[in-house]
């Protein structure tokens, strides 16, 4: 799948500008190499590790549970190869959305450089958040995690997970890993790089933590909840860029953001402080994937609380900045109204001869002087 950006310049091969302009073509060739490897018996075993999910376990059918065999998955070192391949796929999809959707909108709207970069960021993230929300919600419904909240901690450790859930986590990790090379491909400003690295690192830390500590059920619920709130913010920002009078989306997002943080803390405290704390098996066991000990529970809960506090701090600063901008714009609008009203009154006064050269006194007018002379 070749993606070529139109440019009048022909930079030198393998130069910085050449890689940036043709990075989607280069990555597409790399992904095709792995797919072609599936066609030959010699390379098929190695290519399968990159393209398909590994570590599947087939559970035979039983009369009590299911009439069909079930294939479940656990994690392992080979997942890094799968994450790498789908990271390449994420880069290709990123380039497709950028070139065929966002760039066309940017050319029509004529955004400034600052709005241009923010519009691209919100466009990419809103598409990813929407896709992840829909997919994650379908998994929650099919696995009955919403109707039964105790499934968040019941039967821990959740070492064996269904295909859809493992694929979901693989793609989540692949997407956020792809964000690192995108900082180079999108020519991110130096002053924004640190902020982006912290932003990406927080996602990777918590998603990988839920995946490796076998807390996939809780992680899926919290991700869907968080992604829905973030999707609402970025879609509201897209509408705001098209029409700056649009503010309703931000108001709704502000309410749901606070509710989302509270619900995240409630579910986390219930899982670690109530559900896992009362489990019978509370011994660290790497072979069975059991990490249900006091130190791990406190560390994970503290990490979640710190992340929520950090986001609330950023949220409060964002709201204060908006209120300052709104309050500073109000005096200017009042001043403009006052000046316009004053201008209208001065015109009326001039017409009535109060401050103008023409007065209501007929003796001072040229016509009256002419009548007197005659």
Protein backbone atom coordinates (compact mmCIF):
# COMPACT_ATOMS: atom_id res chain seq x y z
CA UNK A 1 0.00 0.00 0.00
CA UNK A 2 2.03 2.94 -1.26
CA UNK A 3 1.33 6.43 -0.02
CA UNK A 4 3.09 9.27 -1.81
CA UNK A 5 3.04 12.88 -0.75
CA UNK A 6 3.03 15.38 -3.56
CA UNK A 7 6.07 17.60 -3.48
CA UNK A 8 7.94 19.58 -6.09
CA UNK A 9 11.27 18.93 -4.40
CA UNK A 10 13.29 15.73 -4.84
CA UNK A 11 15.41 15.35 -1.68
CA UNK A 12 18.48 13.08 -1.69
CA UNK A 13 17.84 9.39 -1.06
CA UNK A 14 17.92 8.38 2.64
CA UNK A 15 18.17 12.01 3.69
CA UNK A 16 16.11 13.39 6.57
CA UNK A 17 13.56 15.00 4.25
CA UNK A 18 13.37 11.89 2.04
CA UNK A 19 12.51 9.65 5.01
CA UNK A 20 9.90 12.07 6.32
CA UNK A 21 8.17 12.44 2.95
CA UNK A 22 8.24 8.72 2.08
CA UNK A 23 8.06 7.08 5.50
CA UNK A 24 4.67 5.50 4.74
CA UNK A 25 6.05 3.89 1.56
CA UNK A 26 9.10 2.58 3.43
CA UNK A 27 7.02 1.14 6.25
CA UNK A 28 4.56 -0.39 3.77
CA UNK A 29 7.42 -2.26 2.11
CA UNK A 30 8.57 -3.57 5.49
CA UNK A 31 5.05 -4.82 6.31
CA UNK A 32 4.72 -6.48 2.89
CA UNK A 33 7.97 -8.38 3.51
CA UNK A 34 6.43 -10.01 6.59
CA UNK A 35 3.26 -10.88 4.67
CA UNK A 36 5.25 -12.37 1.80
CA UNK A 37 7.10 -14.48 4.34
CA UNK A 38 3.85 -16.35 5.01
CA UNK A 39 3.85 -17.65 1.42
CA UNK A 40 7.08 -19.65 1.69
CA UNK A 41 7.59 -22.65 3.90
CA UNK A 42 11.12 -21.63 4.91
CA UNK A 43 10.09 -18.22 6.27
CA UNK A 44 6.50 -19.01 7.27
CA UNK A 45 7.38 -20.07 10.83
CA UNK A 46 9.21 -16.80 11.48
CA UNK A 47 6.60 -14.63 9.73
CA UNK A 48 3.72 -16.17 11.68
CA UNK A 49 5.25 -14.86 14.93
CA UNK A 50 4.91 -11.30 13.64
CA UNK A 51 1.50 -11.49 11.98
CA UNK A 52 -0.63 -13.78 14.17
CA UNK A 53 -1.23 -14.00 17.92
CA UNK A 54 0.91 -16.46 19.84
CA UNK A 55 0.52 -18.63 22.97
CA UNK A 56 -2.94 -20.05 22.33
CA UNK A 57 -4.34 -22.76 24.57
CA UNK A 58 -7.19 -24.99 23.42
CA UNK A 59 -9.64 -25.95 26.14
CA UNK A 60 -11.66 -29.09 25.29
CA UNK A 61 -15.44 -28.98 25.36
CA UNK A 62 -17.30 -30.06 28.48
CA UNK A 63 -20.97 -30.75 29.04
CA UNK A 64 -21.17 -28.25 31.91
CA UNK A 65 -19.41 -25.24 30.36
CA UNK A 66 -19.47 -25.40 26.57
CA UNK A 67 -20.30 -27.75 23.75
CA UNK A 68 -17.40 -26.44 21.64
CA UNK A 69 -13.69 -26.19 22.16
CA UNK A 70 -12.45 -22.76 23.29
CA UNK A 71 -9.15 -21.15 22.29
CA UNK A 72 -7.69 -18.82 24.91
CA UNK A 73 -4.39 -16.94 24.97
CA UNK A 74 -1.72 -15.86 27.44
CA UNK A 75 1.22 -13.51 26.98
CA UNK A 76 4.90 -14.16 26.31
CA UNK A 77 8.08 -12.74 24.84
CA UNK A 78 6.91 -13.42 21.26
CA UNK A 79 4.23 -10.77 21.69
CA UNK A 80 6.94 -8.16 21.12
CA UNK A 81 7.27 -9.33 17.51
CA UNK A 82 3.50 -9.08 17.00
CA UNK A 83 3.46 -5.61 18.55
CA UNK A 84 6.25 -4.54 16.19
CA UNK A 85 4.35 -5.68 13.08
CA UNK A 86 1.12 -3.95 14.09
CA UNK A 87 3.12 -0.85 14.98
CA UNK A 88 4.07 -0.74 11.29
CA UNK A 89 0.38 -1.12 10.38
CA UNK A 90 -0.49 1.77 12.73
CA UNK A 91 2.06 4.01 11.00
CA UNK A 92 0.52 3.19 7.60
CA UNK A 93 -3.04 3.89 8.80
CA UNK A 94 -1.84 7.11 10.44
CA UNK A 95 -0.42 8.27 7.09
CA UNK A 96 -3.64 7.34 5.24
CA UNK A 97 -5.82 9.36 7.63
CA UNK A 98 -3.38 12.26 7.50
CA UNK A 99 -3.08 12.51 3.74
CA UNK A 100 -6.54 11.59 2.51
CA UNK A 101 -8.69 13.16 5.25
CA UNK A 102 -6.95 15.66 7.50
CA UNK A 103 -4.73 17.33 4.90
CA UNK A 104 -7.70 17.91 2.59
CA UNK A 105 -9.67 19.53 5.42
CA UNK A 106 -6.67 21.67 6.37
CA UNK A 107 -6.34 22.99 2.84
CA UNK A 108 -10.00 24.02 2.81
CA UNK A 109 -10.03 25.61 6.29
CA UNK A 110 -6.68 27.49 5.98
CA UNK A 111 -5.66 26.98 9.61
CA UNK A 112 -2.69 28.69 11.22
CA UNK A 113 0.39 26.61 12.08
CA UNK A 114 -0.69 26.19 15.71
CA UNK A 115 -4.24 25.19 14.82
CA UNK A 116 -2.91 22.99 12.02
CA UNK A 117 -0.87 20.80 14.40
CA UNK A 118 -3.65 20.65 17.03
CA UNK A 119 -6.23 19.78 14.39
CA UNK A 120 -4.06 16.92 13.12
CA UNK A 121 -3.51 15.65 16.66
CA UNK A 122 -7.22 15.72 17.51
CA UNK A 123 -8.14 14.16 14.17
CA UNK A 124 -5.82 11.21 14.64
CA UNK A 125 -6.70 10.64 18.30
CA UNK A 126 -10.46 10.97 17.82
CA UNK A 127 -10.38 8.26 15.13
CA UNK A 128 -8.33 5.96 17.38
CA UNK A 129 -10.46 6.62 20.48
CA UNK A 130 -13.70 6.00 18.59
CA UNK A 131 -12.41 2.72 17.16
CA UNK A 132 -11.11 1.56 20.56
CA UNK A 133 -14.34 2.53 22.37
CA UNK A 134 -16.56 0.62 19.97
CA UNK A 135 -14.30 -2.43 19.97
CA UNK A 136 -13.75 -2.39 23.74
CA UNK A 137 -17.47 -2.00 24.44
CA UNK A 138 -18.27 -4.98 22.21
CA UNK A 139 -15.79 -7.09 24.21
CA UNK A 140 -17.30 -5.94 27.52
CA UNK A 141 -20.79 -6.85 26.34
CA UNK A 142 -19.82 -10.22 24.85
CA UNK A 143 -17.87 -11.24 27.98
CA UNK A 144 -20.59 -9.93 30.38
CA UNK A 145 -18.17 -7.68 32.27
CA UNK A 146 -20.70 -4.84 32.49
CA UNK A 147 -23.56 -6.90 33.92
CA UNK A 148 -21.27 -8.57 36.49
CA UNK A 149 -18.78 -6.11 38.10
CA UNK A 150 -17.31 -8.88 40.28
CA UNK A 151 -15.72 -10.33 37.14
CA UNK A 152 -13.11 -7.59 37.48
CA UNK A 153 -11.45 -9.52 40.31
CA UNK A 154 -13.17 -12.90 40.39
CA UNK A 155 -11.02 -15.89 39.33
CA UNK A 156 -7.83 -13.84 39.41
CA UNK A 157 -5.23 -14.27 37.92
CA UNK A 158 -6.75 -13.84 34.47
CA UNK A 159 -3.88 -15.56 32.71
CA UNK A 160 -6.04 -16.96 29.89
CA UNK A 161 -7.98 -14.40 27.88
CA UNK A 162 -10.05 -14.67 24.68
CA UNK A 163 -8.72 -13.80 21.23
CA UNK A 164 -10.51 -10.46 21.00
CA UNK A 165 -9.14 -9.20 24.31
CA UNK A 166 -5.54 -10.18 23.58
CA UNK A 167 -5.72 -8.66 20.11
CA UNK A 168 -7.16 -5.49 21.67
CA UNK A 169 -4.20 -5.15 24.05
CA UNK A 170 -1.68 -5.93 21.30
CA UNK A 171 -3.11 -3.18 19.11
CA UNK A 172 -3.23 -0.74 22.01
CA UNK A 173 0.47 -1.26 22.73
CA UNK A 174 1.30 -1.13 19.01
CA UNK A 175 -0.54 2.16 18.55
CA UNK A 176 1.16 3.93 21.44
CA UNK A 177 4.57 2.58 20.44
CA UNK A 178 3.99 3.93 16.92
CA UNK A 179 3.55 7.40 18.43
CA UNK A 180 7.31 7.59 19.14
CA UNK A 181 8.48 7.48 15.49
CA UNK A 182 5.56 9.74 14.57
CA UNK A 183 7.22 12.49 16.61
CA UNK A 184 10.01 12.36 14.01
CA UNK A 185 7.80 11.84 10.97
CA UNK A 186 5.46 14.72 11.88
CA UNK A 187 8.35 17.10 12.69
CA UNK A 188 7.15 17.78 16.21
CA UNK A 189 8.49 20.98 17.75
CA UNK A 190 11.26 20.58 20.31
CA UNK A 191 9.24 22.28 23.04
CA UNK A 192 6.38 19.79 22.52
CA UNK A 193 8.46 16.60 22.44
CA UNK A 194 8.77 16.20 26.22
CA UNK A 195 5.03 16.70 26.72
CA UNK A 196 4.27 14.11 24.05
CA UNK A 197 6.74 11.59 25.49
CA UNK A 198 5.16 11.90 28.95
CA UNK A 199 1.71 11.56 27.40
CA UNK A 200 2.67 8.42 25.45
CA UNK A 201 4.65 6.96 28.34
CA UNK A 202 1.69 7.13 30.73
CA UNK A 203 -0.47 5.17 28.30
CA UNK A 204 2.18 2.52 27.70
CA UNK A 205 2.96 2.16 31.40
CA UNK A 206 -0.63 1.55 32.45
CA UNK A 207 -1.67 -0.59 29.46
CA UNK A 208 1.45 -2.77 29.70
CA UNK A 209 1.00 -2.98 33.48
CA UNK A 210 -2.57 -4.26 33.15
CA UNK A 211 -1.46 -6.75 30.47
CA UNK A 212 1.57 -8.12 32.33
CA UNK A 213 -0.04 -8.23 35.79
CA UNK A 214 -3.05 -10.14 34.41
CA UNK A 215 -5.43 -7.29 35.26
CA UNK A 216 -6.88 -7.27 31.76
CA UNK A 217 -10.53 -7.15 32.88
CA UNK A 218 -10.10 -4.01 34.97
CA UNK A 219 -7.77 -2.48 32.41
CA UNK A 220 -10.31 -2.92 29.61
CA UNK A 221 -13.10 -1.24 31.58
CA UNK A 222 -10.91 1.71 32.59
CA UNK A 223 -9.56 2.12 29.04
CA UNK A 224 -13.02 2.25 27.47
CA UNK A 225 -14.16 4.74 30.10
CA UNK A 226 -11.11 6.95 29.61
CA UNK A 227 -11.17 6.73 25.81
CA UNK A 228 -14.81 7.79 25.64
CA UNK A 229 -14.10 10.98 27.62
CA UNK A 230 -11.00 11.73 25.54
CA UNK A 231 -12.91 11.13 22.31
CA UNK A 232 -15.51 13.69 23.36
CA UNK A 233 -12.76 16.26 24.06
CA UNK A 234 -10.98 15.82 20.74
CA UNK A 235 -14.16 15.77 18.67
CA UNK A 236 -15.26 18.96 20.45
CA UNK A 237 -11.93 20.56 19.63
CA UNK A 238 -12.38 19.65 15.95
CA UNK A 239 -15.76 21.38 15.91
CA UNK A 240 -14.27 24.33 17.77
CA UNK A 241 -11.60 24.79 15.11
CA UNK A 242 -14.28 24.89 12.41
CA UNK A 243 -16.45 27.30 14.43
CA UNK A 244 -15.01 29.04 17.50
CA UNK A 245 -18.51 29.78 18.79
CA UNK A 246 -18.97 26.06 19.47
CA UNK A 247 -18.50 25.57 23.24
CA UNK A 248 -21.20 23.06 24.23
CA UNK A 249 -18.97 20.05 23.65
CA UNK A 250 -16.34 21.32 26.08
CA UNK A 251 -18.98 21.87 28.78
CA UNK A 252 -20.24 18.30 28.43
CA UNK A 253 -16.67 17.00 28.37
CA UNK A 254 -15.84 18.88 31.59
CA UNK A 255 -18.69 17.16 33.44
CA UNK A 256 -17.92 13.69 32.07
CA UNK A 257 -14.19 14.15 32.73
CA UNK A 258 -14.75 14.63 36.46
CA UNK A 259 -17.27 11.76 36.58
CA UNK A 260 -14.83 9.54 34.69
CA UNK A 261 -12.04 10.23 37.19
CA UNK A 262 -14.36 9.45 40.12
CA UNK A 263 -15.64 6.24 38.52
CA UNK A 264 -12.06 5.15 37.75
CA UNK A 265 -11.07 5.61 41.40
CA UNK A 266 -14.18 3.80 42.64
CA UNK A 267 -13.61 0.76 40.41
CA UNK A 268 -9.92 0.66 41.29
CA UNK A 269 -10.54 0.85 45.04
CA UNK A 270 -13.24 -1.84 44.80
CA UNK A 271 -10.96 -4.15 42.83
CA UNK A 272 -7.77 -3.79 44.89
CA UNK A 273 -9.16 -2.84 48.29
CA UNK A 274 -12.20 -5.10 48.35
CA UNK A 275 -12.09 -7.84 45.72
CA UNK A 276 -8.42 -8.89 45.50
CA UNK A 277 -7.78 -8.11 49.18
CA UNK A 278 -10.28 -10.83 50.17
CA UNK A 279 -8.99 -13.46 47.76
CA UNK A 280 -7.77 -16.70 49.26
CA UNK A 281 -4.55 -16.99 47.25
CA UNK A 282 -2.36 -13.96 48.06
CA UNK A 283 1.09 -15.36 47.32
CA UNK A 284 3.41 -14.13 44.61
CA UNK A 285 3.74 -16.83 41.95
CA UNK A 286 5.32 -16.05 38.58
CA UNK A 287 4.53 -19.48 37.13
CA UNK A 288 0.78 -19.07 37.63
CA UNK A 289 0.83 -15.31 36.99
CA UNK A 290 -0.45 -14.43 40.45
CA UNK A 291 0.66 -10.95 41.57
CA UNK A 292 -2.00 -10.53 44.25
CA UNK A 293 0.17 -9.39 47.16
CA UNK A 294 -0.16 -6.29 49.32
CA UNK A 295 2.87 -4.50 47.82
CA UNK A 296 1.63 -4.93 44.25
CA UNK A 297 -1.93 -3.88 45.11
CA UNK A 298 -0.74 -0.72 46.85
CA UNK A 299 1.69 0.11 44.03
CA UNK A 300 -0.92 -0.33 41.28
CA UNK A 301 -3.58 1.59 43.19
CA UNK A 302 -1.11 4.40 43.94
CA UNK A 303 -0.13 4.55 40.26
CA UNK A 304 -3.77 4.87 39.21
CA UNK A 305 -4.47 7.54 41.83
CA UNK A 306 -1.38 9.55 40.80
CA UNK A 307 -2.41 9.37 37.14
CA UNK A 308 -5.92 10.59 37.99
CA UNK A 309 -4.50 13.41 40.13
CA UNK A 310 -2.15 14.43 37.31
CA UNK A 311 -5.03 14.54 34.82
CA UNK A 312 -7.19 16.53 37.24
CA UNK A 313 -4.36 19.04 37.70
CA UNK A 314 -4.05 19.43 33.93
CA UNK A 315 -7.84 19.72 33.68
CA UNK A 316 -8.02 22.48 36.31
CA UNK A 317 -5.24 24.44 34.58
CA UNK A 318 -7.07 24.07 31.26
CA UNK A 319 -10.33 25.34 32.74
CA UNK A 320 -8.62 28.28 34.47
CA UNK A 321 -6.95 29.27 31.21
CA UNK A 322 -10.30 29.14 29.40
CA UNK A 323 -11.96 31.27 32.10
CA UNK A 324 -9.16 33.84 31.89
CA UNK A 325 -9.50 34.03 28.11
CA UNK A 326 -13.27 34.34 28.41
CA UNK A 327 -13.05 37.05 31.10
CA UNK A 328 -10.42 38.98 29.15
CA UNK A 329 -12.52 38.90 26.00
CA UNK A 330 -15.61 40.26 27.77
CA UNK A 331 -14.17 43.76 28.60
CA UNK A 332 -13.01 44.10 25.00
CA UNK A 333 -16.50 43.32 23.70
CA UNK A 334 -18.05 45.74 26.21
CA UNK A 335 -15.53 48.39 25.20
CA UNK A 336 -16.38 47.88 21.52
CA UNK A 337 -20.08 48.23 22.29
CA UNK A 338 -19.39 51.40 24.29
CA UNK A 339 -17.31 52.90 21.47
CA UNK A 340 -19.96 52.05 18.88
CA UNK A 341 -22.71 53.55 21.06
CA UNK A 342 -20.61 56.65 21.60
CA UNK A 343 -20.05 56.92 17.86
CA UNK A 344 -23.78 56.77 17.23
CA UNK A 345 -24.49 59.45 19.84
CA UNK A 346 -21.80 61.73 18.44
CA UNK A 347 -23.32 61.47 14.99
CA UNK A 348 -26.70 62.42 16.42
CA UNK A 349 -25.12 65.31 18.28
CA UNK A 350 -23.45 66.54 15.12
CA UNK A 351 -26.78 66.40 13.34
CA UNK A 352 -28.35 68.44 16.14
CA UNK A 353 -25.50 70.95 16.06
CA UNK A 354 -24.22 70.46 19.57
CA UNK A 355 -20.61 69.65 18.73
CA UNK A 356 -20.63 70.20 14.97
CA UNK A 357 -20.29 73.28 12.79
CA UNK A 358 -23.96 73.23 11.86
CA UNK A 359 -26.24 74.48 14.64
CA UNK A 360 -29.98 74.91 15.10
CA UNK A 361 -29.57 78.66 15.20
CA UNK A 362 -30.89 79.95 11.86
CA UNK A 363 -29.00 83.23 12.10
CA UNK A 364 -25.68 81.43 11.77
CA UNK A 365 -26.60 79.55 8.61
CA UNK A 366 -25.44 80.80 5.19
CA UNK A 367 -29.03 80.93 3.91
CA UNK A 368 -30.18 83.24 6.69
CA UNK A 369 -27.22 85.53 6.17
CA UNK A 370 -28.10 85.67 2.48
CA UNK A 371 -31.70 86.60 3.31
CA UNK A 372 -30.56 89.41 5.57
CA UNK A 373 -28.20 90.88 2.99
CA UNK A 374 -30.94 90.90 0.43
